[in-house]
Amino acid sequence: MNYRKWVAGVLLACSAVSLAAAQSRSSADQYLPRLGDIMNLIQVRHAKLSFAGQARNWDLASYELAQLRQSLTDAAIFYSGLPVDNVTTLGHSIQSISDAIAAKDGKRFAAAVTELTSGCNACHASMDRGYIAIRIPTDKPFGNQDFRPHGR
């Protein structure tokens, strides 16, 4: 009789652990980053993209542009209140940056990043968030990253 109680207790404990793990996974699957967190990530990507282009590290610039594009897509998908037109109009700037990276053209890159930056600020203004003003970064806050291209 004690053996049955012990087995039943073990089975009950295992099912409780499985249920807790499933609930933990379920809540993790439903995590939705706050819009401000996504925008902070976009701001970091914008800065790193700018520094990579200034250093003519086209591989890094391409990577950062892809990350920035994905974050903008996430913001548009997760937050239906965003004016999608504003986000999608950034597509032209993003394509211009991509073209400049492919051509390894620093002047075109700088002009396209300036256009993207203006688009970001226009979107903020349209959302009554004009006080969030983005600019081309001048100081490198990423002291732990070398933006110069490295040979392979």
N, C-alpha and C. Protein backbone atom coordinates (compact mmCIF):
# COMPACT_ATOMS: atom_id res chain seq x y z
N MET A 1 0.81 -1.19 0.00
CA MET A 1 0.00 0.00 0.00
C MET A 1 0.86 1.26 0.00
N ASN A 2 1.89 1.30 0.79
CA ASN A 2 2.79 2.45 0.83
C ASN A 2 3.48 2.65 -0.51
N TYR A 3 3.77 1.54 -1.21
CA TYR A 3 4.41 1.62 -2.51
C TYR A 3 3.50 2.35 -3.49
N ARG A 4 2.20 2.05 -3.47
CA ARG A 4 1.24 2.70 -4.37
C ARG A 4 1.17 4.19 -4.07
N LYS A 5 1.17 4.56 -2.83
CA LYS A 5 1.13 5.98 -2.45
C LYS A 5 2.40 6.70 -2.92
N TRP A 6 3.52 6.01 -2.76
CA TRP A 6 4.80 6.59 -3.19
C TRP A 6 4.80 6.81 -4.69
N VAL A 7 4.36 5.81 -5.47
CA VAL A 7 4.30 5.92 -6.93
C VAL A 7 3.33 7.02 -7.33
N ALA A 8 2.18 7.05 -6.68
CA ALA A 8 1.18 8.08 -6.98
C ALA A 8 1.76 9.46 -6.67
N GLY A 9 2.49 9.58 -5.57
CA GLY A 9 3.10 10.85 -5.21
C GLY A 9 4.14 11.30 -6.23
N VAL A 10 4.96 10.36 -6.70
CA VAL A 10 5.98 10.66 -7.70
C VAL A 10 5.31 11.10 -9.00
N LEU A 11 4.29 10.37 -9.41
CA LEU A 11 3.57 10.72 -10.64
C LEU A 11 2.92 12.10 -10.53
N LEU A 12 2.34 12.38 -9.37
CA LEU A 12 1.72 13.68 -9.16
C LEU A 12 2.76 14.80 -9.20
N ALA A 13 3.91 14.57 -8.58
CA ALA A 13 4.98 15.57 -8.59
C ALA A 13 5.50 15.80 -10.00
N CYS A 14 5.67 14.71 -10.76
CA CYS A 14 6.15 14.85 -12.13
C CYS A 14 5.15 15.61 -13.00
N SER A 15 3.88 15.33 -12.82
CA SER A 15 2.88 16.03 -13.62
C SER A 15 2.82 17.51 -13.24
N ALA A 16 3.03 17.82 -11.97
CA ALA A 16 3.03 19.22 -11.55
C ALA A 16 4.21 19.96 -12.15
N VAL A 17 5.38 19.29 -12.18
CA VAL A 17 6.56 19.91 -12.78
C VAL A 17 6.33 20.10 -14.28
N SER A 18 5.75 19.12 -14.96
CA SER A 18 5.47 19.23 -16.40
C SER A 18 4.49 20.35 -16.67
N LEU A 19 3.45 20.46 -15.85
CA LEU A 19 2.46 21.53 -16.02
C LEU A 19 3.11 22.90 -15.81
N ALA A 20 3.94 23.02 -14.80
CA ALA A 20 4.63 24.30 -14.55
C ALA A 20 5.54 24.66 -15.71
N ALA A 21 6.25 23.67 -16.24
CA ALA A 21 7.14 23.93 -17.38
C ALA A 21 6.34 24.33 -18.60
N ALA A 22 5.21 23.67 -18.83
CA ALA A 22 4.36 24.02 -19.99
C ALA A 22 3.81 25.42 -19.84
N GLN A 23 3.37 25.78 -18.62
CA GLN A 23 2.85 27.13 -18.41
C GLN A 23 3.94 28.16 -18.61
N SER A 24 5.16 27.85 -18.15
CA SER A 24 6.27 28.77 -18.32
C SER A 24 6.57 28.99 -19.80
N ARG A 25 6.59 27.90 -20.59
CA ARG A 25 6.80 28.02 -22.03
C ARG A 25 5.68 28.79 -22.68
N SER A 26 4.45 28.54 -22.24
CA SER A 26 3.29 29.21 -22.83
C SER A 26 3.37 30.71 -22.61
N SER A 27 3.73 31.15 -21.40
CA SER A 27 3.82 32.59 -21.15
C SER A 27 5.00 33.20 -21.88
N ALA A 28 6.08 32.43 -22.04
CA ALA A 28 7.23 32.94 -22.78
C ALA A 28 6.89 33.10 -24.25
N ASP A 29 6.08 32.18 -24.79
CA ASP A 29 5.66 32.27 -26.18
C ASP A 29 4.78 33.50 -26.42
N GLN A 30 4.13 34.00 -25.40
CA GLN A 30 3.23 35.12 -25.52
C GLN A 30 3.88 36.45 -25.18
N TYR A 31 5.16 36.46 -24.92
CA TYR A 31 5.85 37.70 -24.57
C TYR A 31 5.79 38.66 -25.74
N LEU A 32 5.40 39.86 -25.45
CA LEU A 32 5.34 40.91 -26.46
C LEU A 32 6.23 42.05 -25.98
N PRO A 33 7.32 42.34 -26.70
CA PRO A 33 8.18 43.44 -26.26
C PRO A 33 7.42 44.77 -26.34
N ARG A 34 7.71 45.63 -25.42
CA ARG A 34 7.09 46.96 -25.43
C ARG A 34 7.60 47.73 -26.64
N LEU A 35 6.76 48.60 -27.15
CA LEU A 35 7.13 49.39 -28.32
C LEU A 35 8.39 50.20 -28.04
N GLY A 36 8.49 50.77 -26.85
CA GLY A 36 9.68 51.53 -26.50
C GLY A 36 10.95 50.68 -26.54
N ASP A 37 10.83 49.42 -26.16
CA ASP A 37 11.99 48.52 -26.20
C ASP A 37 12.40 48.24 -27.64
N ILE A 38 11.42 48.03 -28.51
CA ILE A 38 11.73 47.82 -29.92
C ILE A 38 12.37 49.07 -30.51
N MET A 39 11.83 50.23 -30.17
CA MET A 39 12.38 51.48 -30.70
C MET A 39 13.79 51.74 -30.17
N ASN A 40 14.04 51.38 -28.92
CA ASN A 40 15.41 51.51 -28.40
C ASN A 40 16.37 50.61 -29.17
N LEU A 41 15.92 49.42 -29.50
CA LEU A 41 16.75 48.52 -30.29
C LEU A 41 16.99 49.11 -31.68
N ILE A 42 15.96 49.70 -32.26
CA ILE A 42 16.11 50.34 -33.58
C ILE A 42 17.12 51.48 -33.48
N GLN A 43 17.06 52.24 -32.41
CA GLN A 43 17.99 53.35 -32.24
C GLN A 43 19.43 52.85 -32.15
N VAL A 44 19.64 51.75 -31.44
CA VAL A 44 20.99 51.17 -31.35
C VAL A 44 21.43 50.68 -32.73
N ARG A 45 20.53 50.01 -33.45
CA ARG A 45 20.87 49.52 -34.79
C ARG A 45 21.19 50.68 -35.73
N HIS A 46 20.44 51.76 -35.61
CA HIS A 46 20.68 52.96 -36.42
C HIS A 46 22.09 53.49 -36.18
N ALA A 47 22.47 53.56 -34.91
CA ALA A 47 23.81 54.07 -34.57
C ALA A 47 24.89 53.12 -35.09
N LYS A 48 24.72 51.84 -34.86
CA LYS A 48 25.73 50.88 -35.30
C LYS A 48 25.82 50.84 -36.83
N LEU A 49 24.68 50.97 -37.50
CA LEU A 49 24.67 51.04 -38.96
C LEU A 49 25.47 52.25 -39.42
N SER A 50 25.23 53.38 -38.80
CA SER A 50 25.94 54.61 -39.16
C SER A 50 27.45 54.46 -38.97
N PHE A 51 27.86 53.94 -37.82
CA PHE A 51 29.29 53.77 -37.56
C PHE A 51 29.93 52.76 -38.50
N ALA A 52 29.22 51.68 -38.80
CA ALA A 52 29.76 50.68 -39.72
C ALA A 52 29.96 51.29 -41.11
N GLY A 53 28.99 52.08 -41.57
CA GLY A 53 29.13 52.72 -42.88
C GLY A 53 30.24 53.75 -42.90
N GLN A 54 30.36 54.52 -41.83
CA GLN A 54 31.43 55.51 -41.76
C GLN A 54 32.80 54.84 -41.81
N ALA A 55 32.89 53.64 -41.24
CA ALA A 55 34.15 52.90 -41.22
C ALA A 55 34.33 52.06 -42.49
N ARG A 56 33.36 52.11 -43.38
CA ARG A 56 33.38 51.33 -44.63
C ARG A 56 33.42 49.82 -44.36
N ASN A 57 32.80 49.42 -43.25
CA ASN A 57 32.67 48.00 -42.92
C ASN A 57 31.32 47.57 -43.49
N TRP A 58 31.31 47.25 -44.77
CA TRP A 58 30.06 47.00 -45.49
C TRP A 58 29.38 45.72 -45.03
N ASP A 59 30.13 44.72 -44.59
CA ASP A 59 29.51 43.50 -44.07
C ASP A 59 28.73 43.81 -42.79
N LEU A 60 29.35 44.56 -41.90
CA LEU A 60 28.67 44.92 -40.65
C LEU A 60 27.48 45.83 -40.95
N ALA A 61 27.64 46.77 -41.86
CA ALA A 61 26.54 47.67 -42.21
C ALA A 61 25.36 46.87 -42.76
N SER A 62 25.63 45.90 -43.60
CA SER A 62 24.58 45.06 -44.16
C SER A 62 23.86 44.29 -43.06
N TYR A 63 24.61 43.75 -42.13
CA TYR A 63 24.04 43.02 -41.00
C TYR A 63 23.15 43.93 -40.15
N GLU A 64 23.66 45.10 -39.81
CA GLU A 64 22.90 46.02 -38.96
C GLU A 64 21.64 46.51 -39.68
N LEU A 65 21.74 46.71 -40.99
CA LEU A 65 20.56 47.13 -41.75
C LEU A 65 19.49 46.04 -41.72
N ALA A 66 19.89 44.79 -41.87
CA ALA A 66 18.92 43.69 -41.80
C ALA A 66 18.26 43.62 -40.42
N GLN A 67 19.04 43.84 -39.38
CA GLN A 67 18.48 43.83 -38.03
C GLN A 67 17.52 45.00 -37.81
N LEU A 68 17.89 46.16 -38.31
CA LEU A 68 17.03 47.34 -38.19
C LEU A 68 15.72 47.11 -38.95
N ARG A 69 15.81 46.57 -40.15
CA ARG A 69 14.62 46.28 -40.96
C ARG A 69 13.69 45.32 -40.22
N GLN A 70 14.27 44.27 -39.61
CA GLN A 70 13.45 43.30 -38.89
C GLN A 70 12.77 43.93 -37.68
N SER A 71 13.47 44.80 -36.98
CA SER A 71 12.87 45.47 -35.82
C SER A 71 11.74 46.38 -36.24
N LEU A 72 11.88 47.09 -37.35
CA LEU A 72 10.79 47.93 -37.86
C LEU A 72 9.59 47.07 -38.24
N THR A 73 9.86 45.94 -38.86
CA THR A 73 8.78 45.02 -39.22
C THR A 73 8.07 44.52 -37.97
N ASP A 74 8.84 44.15 -36.95
CA ASP A 74 8.24 43.70 -35.70
C ASP A 74 7.35 44.79 -35.10
N ALA A 75 7.83 46.01 -35.09
CA ALA A 75 7.04 47.11 -34.53
C ALA A 75 5.72 47.27 -35.28
N ALA A 76 5.76 47.20 -36.59
CA ALA A 76 4.54 47.35 -37.40
C ALA A 76 3.58 46.20 -37.19
N ILE A 77 4.10 44.99 -37.01
CA ILE A 77 3.25 43.82 -36.81
C ILE A 77 2.65 43.81 -35.41
N PHE A 78 3.46 44.05 -34.41
CA PHE A 78 3.02 43.94 -33.03
C PHE A 78 2.14 45.11 -32.58
N TYR A 79 2.31 46.28 -33.19
CA TYR A 79 1.60 47.47 -32.73
C TYR A 79 0.78 48.05 -33.87
N SER A 80 -0.48 47.64 -33.92
CA SER A 80 -1.35 48.05 -35.02
C SER A 80 -1.65 49.55 -34.97
N GLY A 81 -1.43 50.21 -33.86
CA GLY A 81 -1.68 51.64 -33.76
C GLY A 81 -0.63 52.50 -34.45
N LEU A 82 0.47 51.88 -34.85
CA LEU A 82 1.50 52.65 -35.57
C LEU A 82 0.98 52.98 -36.96
N PRO A 83 1.27 54.17 -37.44
CA PRO A 83 0.88 54.46 -38.82
C PRO A 83 1.77 53.66 -39.78
N VAL A 84 1.20 52.59 -40.30
CA VAL A 84 1.97 51.68 -41.14
C VAL A 84 2.57 52.41 -42.33
N ASP A 85 1.86 53.43 -42.83
CA ASP A 85 2.40 54.19 -43.96
C ASP A 85 3.75 54.79 -43.60
N ASN A 86 3.88 55.28 -42.38
CA ASN A 86 5.16 55.86 -41.96
C ASN A 86 6.27 54.80 -41.94
N VAL A 87 5.94 53.63 -41.43
CA VAL A 87 6.94 52.56 -41.34
C VAL A 87 7.29 52.06 -42.74
N THR A 88 6.28 51.89 -43.58
CA THR A 88 6.55 51.36 -44.91
C THR A 88 7.26 52.37 -45.80
N THR A 89 7.06 53.68 -45.56
CA THR A 89 7.78 54.66 -46.37
C THR A 89 9.28 54.64 -46.08
N LEU A 90 9.65 54.10 -44.93
CA LEU A 90 11.07 53.95 -44.63
C LEU A 90 11.71 52.91 -45.54
N GLY A 91 10.88 52.11 -46.20
CA GLY A 91 11.39 51.08 -47.10
C GLY A 91 12.26 51.65 -48.21
N HIS A 92 11.89 52.82 -48.71
CA HIS A 92 12.69 53.46 -49.76
C HIS A 92 14.08 53.80 -49.22
N SER A 93 14.12 54.39 -48.04
CA SER A 93 15.42 54.73 -47.43
C SER A 93 16.25 53.48 -47.17
N ILE A 94 15.60 52.45 -46.68
CA ILE A 94 16.30 51.20 -46.38
C ILE A 94 16.87 50.60 -47.67
N GLN A 95 16.08 50.66 -48.74
CA GLN A 95 16.57 50.14 -50.02
C GLN A 95 17.75 50.97 -50.52
N SER A 96 17.66 52.30 -50.34
CA SER A 96 18.77 53.17 -50.75
C SER A 96 20.05 52.84 -49.97
N ILE A 97 19.89 52.56 -48.68
CA ILE A 97 21.05 52.18 -47.87
C ILE A 97 21.60 50.85 -48.37
N SER A 98 20.72 49.90 -48.63
CA SER A 98 21.15 48.60 -49.13
C SER A 98 21.91 48.73 -50.45
N ASP A 99 21.39 49.57 -51.33
CA ASP A 99 22.06 49.79 -52.62
C ASP A 99 23.43 50.43 -52.44
N ALA A 100 23.53 51.38 -51.51
CA ALA A 100 24.81 52.04 -51.25
C ALA A 100 25.81 51.05 -50.66
N ILE A 101 25.33 50.17 -49.78
CA ILE A 101 26.21 49.15 -49.21
C ILE A 101 26.71 48.23 -50.31
N ALA A 102 25.81 47.79 -51.18
CA ALA A 102 26.20 46.89 -52.27
C ALA A 102 27.23 47.55 -53.19
N ALA A 103 27.06 48.86 -53.41
CA ALA A 103 28.00 49.59 -54.26
C ALA A 103 29.25 50.03 -53.50
N LYS A 104 29.24 49.85 -52.18
CA LYS A 104 30.33 50.30 -51.31
C LYS A 104 30.61 51.78 -51.54
N ASP A 105 29.52 52.53 -51.56
CA ASP A 105 29.55 53.97 -51.86
C ASP A 105 29.24 54.75 -50.59
N GLY A 106 30.27 55.30 -49.97
CA GLY A 106 30.13 56.03 -48.72
C GLY A 106 29.25 57.26 -48.82
N LYS A 107 29.33 57.99 -49.93
CA LYS A 107 28.51 59.20 -50.09
C LYS A 107 27.04 58.86 -50.20
N ARG A 108 26.72 57.85 -51.02
CA ARG A 108 25.32 57.42 -51.14
C ARG A 108 24.81 56.87 -49.82
N PHE A 109 25.68 56.15 -49.13
CA PHE A 109 25.31 55.59 -47.83
C PHE A 109 24.94 56.71 -46.86
N ALA A 110 25.80 57.72 -46.76
CA ALA A 110 25.55 58.84 -45.83
C ALA A 110 24.24 59.55 -46.17
N ALA A 111 23.99 59.77 -47.45
CA ALA A 111 22.75 60.44 -47.87
C ALA A 111 21.53 59.58 -47.53
N ALA A 112 21.64 58.28 -47.73
CA ALA A 112 20.51 57.39 -47.46
C ALA A 112 20.24 57.27 -45.96
N VAL A 113 21.29 57.24 -45.15
CA VAL A 113 21.09 57.19 -43.70
C VAL A 113 20.47 58.50 -43.21
N THR A 114 20.86 59.61 -43.81
CA THR A 114 20.24 60.89 -43.47
C THR A 114 18.76 60.87 -43.81
N GLU A 115 18.43 60.31 -44.96
CA GLU A 115 17.03 60.19 -45.38
C GLU A 115 16.25 59.29 -44.40
N LEU A 116 16.84 58.19 -43.99
CA LEU A 116 16.21 57.30 -43.02
C LEU A 116 15.98 58.03 -41.70
N THR A 117 16.97 58.76 -41.26
CA THR A 117 16.87 59.50 -40.01
C THR A 117 15.74 60.52 -40.07
N SER A 118 15.62 61.21 -41.18
CA SER A 118 14.52 62.16 -41.36
C SER A 118 13.17 61.45 -41.32
N GLY A 119 13.13 60.26 -41.93
CA GLY A 119 11.90 59.47 -41.90
C GLY A 119 11.51 59.05 -40.50
N CYS A 120 12.49 58.68 -39.70
CA CYS A 120 12.22 58.32 -38.31
C CYS A 120 11.62 59.51 -37.57
N ASN A 121 12.22 60.67 -37.75
CA ASN A 121 11.74 61.87 -37.06
C ASN A 121 10.35 62.28 -37.55
N ALA A 122 10.08 62.10 -38.84
CA ALA A 122 8.75 62.42 -39.38
C ALA A 122 7.69 61.50 -38.76
N CYS A 123 8.04 60.24 -38.60
CA CYS A 123 7.11 59.29 -37.97
C CYS A 123 6.86 59.69 -36.52
N HIS A 124 7.91 60.02 -35.81
CA HIS A 124 7.74 60.45 -34.41
C HIS A 124 6.84 61.68 -34.33
N ALA A 125 7.05 62.64 -35.21
CA ALA A 125 6.23 63.86 -35.20
C ALA A 125 4.77 63.53 -35.48
N SER A 126 4.52 62.62 -36.41
CA SER A 126 3.14 62.27 -36.75
C SER A 126 2.42 61.57 -35.61
N MET A 127 3.19 60.99 -34.70
CA MET A 127 2.63 60.29 -33.53
C MET A 127 2.63 61.18 -32.29
N ASP A 128 2.83 62.49 -32.48
CA ASP A 128 2.95 63.42 -31.36
C ASP A 128 4.09 63.04 -30.42
N ARG A 129 5.16 62.53 -31.00
CA ARG A 129 6.36 62.18 -30.25
C ARG A 129 7.57 62.89 -30.86
N GLY A 130 7.34 64.08 -31.38
CA GLY A 130 8.41 64.84 -32.00
C GLY A 130 9.56 65.13 -31.07
N TYR A 131 9.32 65.03 -29.78
CA TYR A 131 10.38 65.25 -28.81
C TYR A 131 11.40 64.10 -28.82
N ILE A 132 11.06 63.00 -29.50
CA ILE A 132 12.03 61.92 -29.69
C ILE A 132 12.71 62.19 -31.03
N ALA A 133 13.81 62.91 -30.97
CA ALA A 133 14.51 63.34 -32.19
C ALA A 133 15.78 62.51 -32.35
N ILE A 134 15.87 61.87 -33.51
CA ILE A 134 17.01 61.02 -33.82
C ILE A 134 17.96 61.81 -34.73
N ARG A 135 19.24 61.57 -34.58
CA ARG A 135 20.23 62.23 -35.44
C ARG A 135 21.30 61.21 -35.81
N ILE A 136 22.09 61.58 -36.77
CA ILE A 136 23.24 60.76 -37.12
C ILE A 136 24.20 60.83 -35.93
N PRO A 137 24.62 59.69 -35.40
CA PRO A 137 25.47 59.73 -34.21
C PRO A 137 26.85 60.30 -34.53
N THR A 138 27.40 60.99 -33.53
CA THR A 138 28.73 61.57 -33.69
C THR A 138 29.73 60.94 -32.72
N ASP A 139 29.24 60.43 -31.61
CA ASP A 139 30.11 59.82 -30.61
C ASP A 139 29.81 58.34 -30.52
N LYS A 140 30.83 57.54 -30.40
CA LYS A 140 30.64 56.10 -30.34
C LYS A 140 30.43 55.65 -28.89
N PRO A 141 29.19 55.30 -28.55
CA PRO A 141 28.94 54.80 -27.20
C PRO A 141 29.31 53.33 -27.06
N PHE A 142 29.72 52.71 -28.15
CA PHE A 142 30.02 51.29 -28.14
C PHE A 142 31.53 51.09 -28.04
N GLY A 143 32.08 51.37 -26.89
CA GLY A 143 33.52 51.29 -26.70
C GLY A 143 34.07 49.88 -26.82
N ASN A 144 33.17 48.89 -26.78
CA ASN A 144 33.63 47.51 -26.84
C ASN A 144 33.51 46.92 -28.25
N GLN A 145 33.18 47.74 -29.25
CA GLN A 145 33.08 47.22 -30.62
C GLN A 145 33.99 48.01 -31.54
N ASP A 146 34.72 47.27 -32.35
CA ASP A 146 35.59 47.86 -33.36
C ASP A 146 34.81 47.85 -34.65
N PHE A 147 34.54 49.00 -35.21
CA PHE A 147 33.71 49.10 -36.41
C PHE A 147 34.53 48.99 -37.70
N ARG A 148 35.86 48.99 -37.57
CA ARG A 148 36.68 48.87 -38.77
C ARG A 148 36.53 47.49 -39.38
N PRO A 149 36.60 47.39 -40.72
CA PRO A 149 36.51 46.06 -41.34
C PRO A 149 37.76 45.24 -41.00
N HIS A 150 37.55 43.97 -40.85
CA HIS A 150 38.64 43.04 -40.56
C HIS A 150 38.74 42.04 -41.69
N GLY A 151 39.95 41.68 -42.07
CA GLY A 151 40.16 40.69 -43.13
C GLY A 151 39.65 39.34 -42.72
N ARG A 152 39.37 38.55 -43.71
CA ARG A 152 38.88 37.19 -43.41
C ARG A 152 39.96 36.19 -43.64
